[in-house]
Amino acid sequence: MIDQLGQGRQDFSAADVAAAAGVSQRTVYQYFPDREAQINAVIAALDERLAHEVAGPRSLDEISPFAEQLIRLGASHVREMRAQIAGGLASEVRARRRRSRDRAVALAVGAGCDDPKAARLASAAINVLTSAEISLGMIDRFGIEGDDLIGTHTWIIRTLVEAIKRGDLPAPAENIHS
């Protein structure tokens, strides 16, 4: 299933999964009887490869090491990163996978900021900048891979976290009513 999503397919086919695994389609449905079970299997496999035992950050100081762990796992599982950013079904898989990570980052940033609106903006920036799209952009557009990818991507997050600690936060726009 992950291979099919990693090829940019919008969905996966049980027949193709069976053929790739060398089993019957009936066997696929025995283990993954419905769409929900199939989605959950993809989520579990991606979590195992891309976030295995990576606990969410509890403070600003834990965000950079947390991000580095995720980036390291992603760098060693590029196919899985691609699978989770494909459109269609992959979008659903990714949305489910990232909810707890996004919440953990928001709580960690919020604990280190006095302004809740600025904290919300800063945590959104961290979550976007920690994403697979950033790593894949560096790989695909600039050929940055391996340790260079890990170091550069981690530097982005570390620089942002240091700015937040200094109080250099995004300024929430004022709501202007005419």
Protein backbone atom coordinates (compact mmCIF):
# COMPACT_ATOMS: atom_id res chain seq x y z
CA MET A 1 0.00 0.00 0.00
CA ILE A 2 2.81 2.37 0.90
CA ASP A 3 4.63 1.56 -2.33
CA GLN A 4 1.56 2.46 -4.36
CA LEU A 5 1.09 5.78 -2.53
CA GLY A 6 4.83 6.45 -2.85
CA GLN A 7 4.44 6.21 -6.62
CA GLY A 8 2.07 9.18 -6.45
CA ARG A 9 -1.10 7.15 -6.81
CA GLN A 10 -4.23 8.67 -5.32
CA ASP A 11 -5.28 5.37 -3.79
CA PHE A 12 -4.10 1.80 -3.56
CA SER A 13 -5.58 -1.33 -5.07
CA ALA A 14 -6.02 -4.54 -3.10
CA ALA A 15 -5.32 -6.50 -6.29
CA ASP A 16 -2.00 -4.68 -6.77
CA VAL A 17 -1.14 -5.13 -3.08
CA ALA A 18 -1.82 -8.85 -3.37
CA ALA A 19 0.28 -9.15 -6.53
CA ALA A 20 3.20 -7.27 -4.98
CA ALA A 21 3.04 -9.40 -1.82
CA GLY A 22 2.68 -12.64 -3.78
CA VAL A 23 -0.59 -13.54 -2.07
CA SER A 24 -4.20 -13.73 -3.14
CA GLN A 25 -6.51 -10.76 -2.97
CA ARG A 26 -8.57 -12.78 -0.49
CA THR A 27 -5.54 -12.93 1.82
CA VAL A 28 -5.20 -9.14 1.68
CA TYR A 29 -8.86 -8.78 2.68
CA GLN A 30 -8.43 -11.38 5.43
CA TYR A 31 -5.87 -9.13 7.16
CA PHE A 32 -7.27 -5.78 5.98
CA PRO A 33 -11.01 -6.40 5.58
CA ASP A 34 -12.13 -2.86 4.83
CA ARG A 35 -10.87 0.59 3.89
CA GLU A 36 -10.52 1.67 7.54
CA ALA A 37 -8.34 -1.36 8.35
CA GLN A 38 -6.22 -0.65 5.28
CA ILE A 39 -5.76 3.01 6.22
CA ASN A 40 -4.90 2.04 9.79
CA ALA A 41 -2.32 -0.45 8.51
CA VAL A 42 -0.66 2.25 6.40
CA ILE A 43 -0.67 4.65 9.37
CA ALA A 44 0.86 2.01 11.65
CA ALA A 45 3.56 1.14 9.10
CA LEU A 46 4.44 4.80 8.50
CA ASP A 47 4.50 5.51 12.23
CA GLU A 48 6.83 2.54 12.73
CA ARG A 49 9.23 3.80 10.07
CA LEU A 50 8.93 7.58 10.37
CA ALA A 51 8.15 8.24 14.03
CA HIS A 52 9.11 5.06 15.86
CA GLU A 53 9.42 5.85 19.56
CA VAL A 54 9.71 9.60 18.92
CA ALA A 55 7.97 11.28 21.82
CA GLY A 56 6.47 14.69 21.19
CA PRO A 57 8.25 17.69 22.70
CA ARG A 58 7.13 18.99 26.09
CA SER A 59 9.14 22.22 26.03
CA LEU A 60 10.91 24.56 23.63
CA ASP A 61 14.20 22.86 24.52
CA GLU A 62 12.86 19.52 23.30
CA ILE A 63 11.62 20.75 19.90
CA SER A 64 14.98 20.71 18.08
CA PRO A 65 15.96 17.19 19.23
CA PHE A 66 12.40 16.00 18.45
CA ALA A 67 12.58 17.49 14.95
CA GLU A 68 16.02 15.98 14.37
CA GLN A 69 14.74 12.51 15.26
CA LEU A 70 11.86 12.87 12.80
CA ILE A 71 14.14 14.25 10.09
CA ARG A 72 16.67 11.42 10.59
CA LEU A 73 13.94 8.81 10.28
CA GLY A 74 12.54 10.53 7.19
CA ALA A 75 15.97 10.75 5.56
CA SER A 76 16.37 7.00 5.92
CA HIS A 77 12.83 6.32 4.62
CA VAL A 78 12.41 8.65 1.65
CA ARG A 79 9.94 6.32 -0.08
CA GLU A 80 7.67 6.47 2.96
CA MET A 81 7.96 10.26 3.09
CA ARG A 82 6.83 10.41 -0.52
CA ALA A 83 3.96 8.03 0.19
CA GLN A 84 2.54 10.25 2.88
CA ILE A 85 2.52 13.43 0.79
CA ALA A 86 0.81 12.00 -2.29
CA GLY A 87 -2.71 13.26 -2.83
CA GLY A 88 -5.91 11.34 -2.37
CA LEU A 89 -5.85 8.70 0.34
CA ALA A 90 -2.34 9.69 1.43
CA SER A 91 -3.72 13.06 2.56
CA GLU A 92 -6.09 11.30 4.95
CA VAL A 93 -3.29 9.09 6.26
CA ARG A 94 -1.03 12.08 6.80
CA ALA A 95 -3.69 14.18 8.52
CA ARG A 96 -4.34 11.41 11.03
CA ARG A 97 -0.62 10.84 11.65
CA ARG A 98 0.29 14.45 12.33
CA ARG A 99 -2.49 15.51 14.71
CA SER A 100 -0.72 14.48 17.91
CA ARG A 101 2.63 15.88 16.73
CA ASP A 102 1.05 19.22 15.88
CA ARG A 103 -0.64 19.37 19.29
CA ALA A 104 2.58 18.49 21.14
CA VAL A 105 4.53 21.22 19.32
CA ALA A 106 1.75 23.76 19.97
CA LEU A 107 1.77 22.96 23.69
CA ALA A 108 5.57 23.13 23.89
CA VAL A 109 5.70 26.49 22.10
CA GLY A 110 2.74 27.81 24.09
CA ALA A 111 4.49 26.95 27.34
CA GLY A 112 7.42 29.14 26.28
CA CYS A 113 5.44 32.15 25.02
CA ASP A 114 3.35 34.76 26.77
CA ASP A 115 1.30 35.69 23.70
CA PRO A 116 -1.07 32.85 22.70
CA LYS A 117 -1.64 34.25 19.20
CA ALA A 118 2.09 34.54 18.50
CA ALA A 119 2.61 31.05 19.98
CA ARG A 120 -0.03 29.66 17.60
CA LEU A 121 1.71 31.24 14.62
CA ALA A 122 5.17 30.07 15.76
CA SER A 123 4.01 26.50 16.38
CA ALA A 124 2.35 26.42 12.94
CA ALA A 125 5.67 27.53 11.41
CA ILE A 126 7.57 24.80 13.26
CA ASN A 127 5.07 22.14 12.22
CA VAL A 128 5.22 23.18 8.57
CA LEU A 129 9.01 23.46 8.59
CA THR A 130 9.38 20.02 10.19
CA SER A 131 7.32 18.46 7.42
CA ALA A 132 8.24 15.89 4.82
CA GLU A 133 7.63 18.48 2.10
CA ILE A 134 10.63 20.49 3.30
CA SER A 135 12.93 17.45 3.31
CA LEU A 136 11.68 16.30 -0.07
CA GLY A 137 12.05 19.81 -1.46
CA MET A 138 15.70 19.85 -0.42
CA ILE A 139 16.21 16.40 -1.95
CA ASP A 140 14.36 17.02 -5.21
CA ARG A 141 15.21 20.67 -5.89
CA PHE A 142 18.74 20.88 -4.55
CA GLY A 143 20.04 17.32 -4.31
CA ILE A 144 20.67 17.66 -0.56
CA GLU A 145 20.55 14.20 1.01
CA GLY A 146 21.84 12.14 3.93
CA ASP A 147 23.71 13.95 6.68
CA ASP A 148 23.58 17.24 4.77
CA LEU A 149 19.81 16.99 4.63
CA ILE A 150 19.56 16.13 8.32
CA GLY A 151 21.93 18.91 9.34
CA THR A 152 20.33 21.60 7.17
CA HIS A 153 16.76 20.69 7.99
CA THR A 154 17.56 20.51 11.71
CA TRP A 155 19.34 23.88 11.48
CA ILE A 156 16.14 25.46 10.14
CA ILE A 157 14.17 24.27 13.16
CA ARG A 158 16.94 25.08 15.65
CA THR A 159 17.21 28.64 14.27
CA LEU A 160 13.46 29.14 14.59
CA VAL A 161 13.37 27.75 18.14
CA GLU A 162 16.25 30.03 19.15
CA ALA A 163 14.34 33.01 17.74
CA ILE A 164 11.27 32.04 19.75
CA LYS A 165 13.36 31.76 22.92
CA ARG A 166 14.68 35.29 22.31
CA GLY A 167 11.13 36.53 22.02
CA ASP A 168 11.44 37.03 18.27
CA LEU A 169 7.92 35.88 17.44
CA PRO A 170 5.61 36.46 14.52
CA ALA A 171 3.38 39.46 15.12
CA PRO A 172 -0.30 38.54 14.85
CA ALA A 173 -2.11 40.82 12.41
CA GLU A 174 -4.63 43.14 13.98
CA ASN A 175 -8.19 42.69 12.84
CA ILE A 176 -9.10 45.93 11.17
CA HIS A 177 -12.79 46.55 10.59
CA SER A 178 -13.83 49.40 8.34
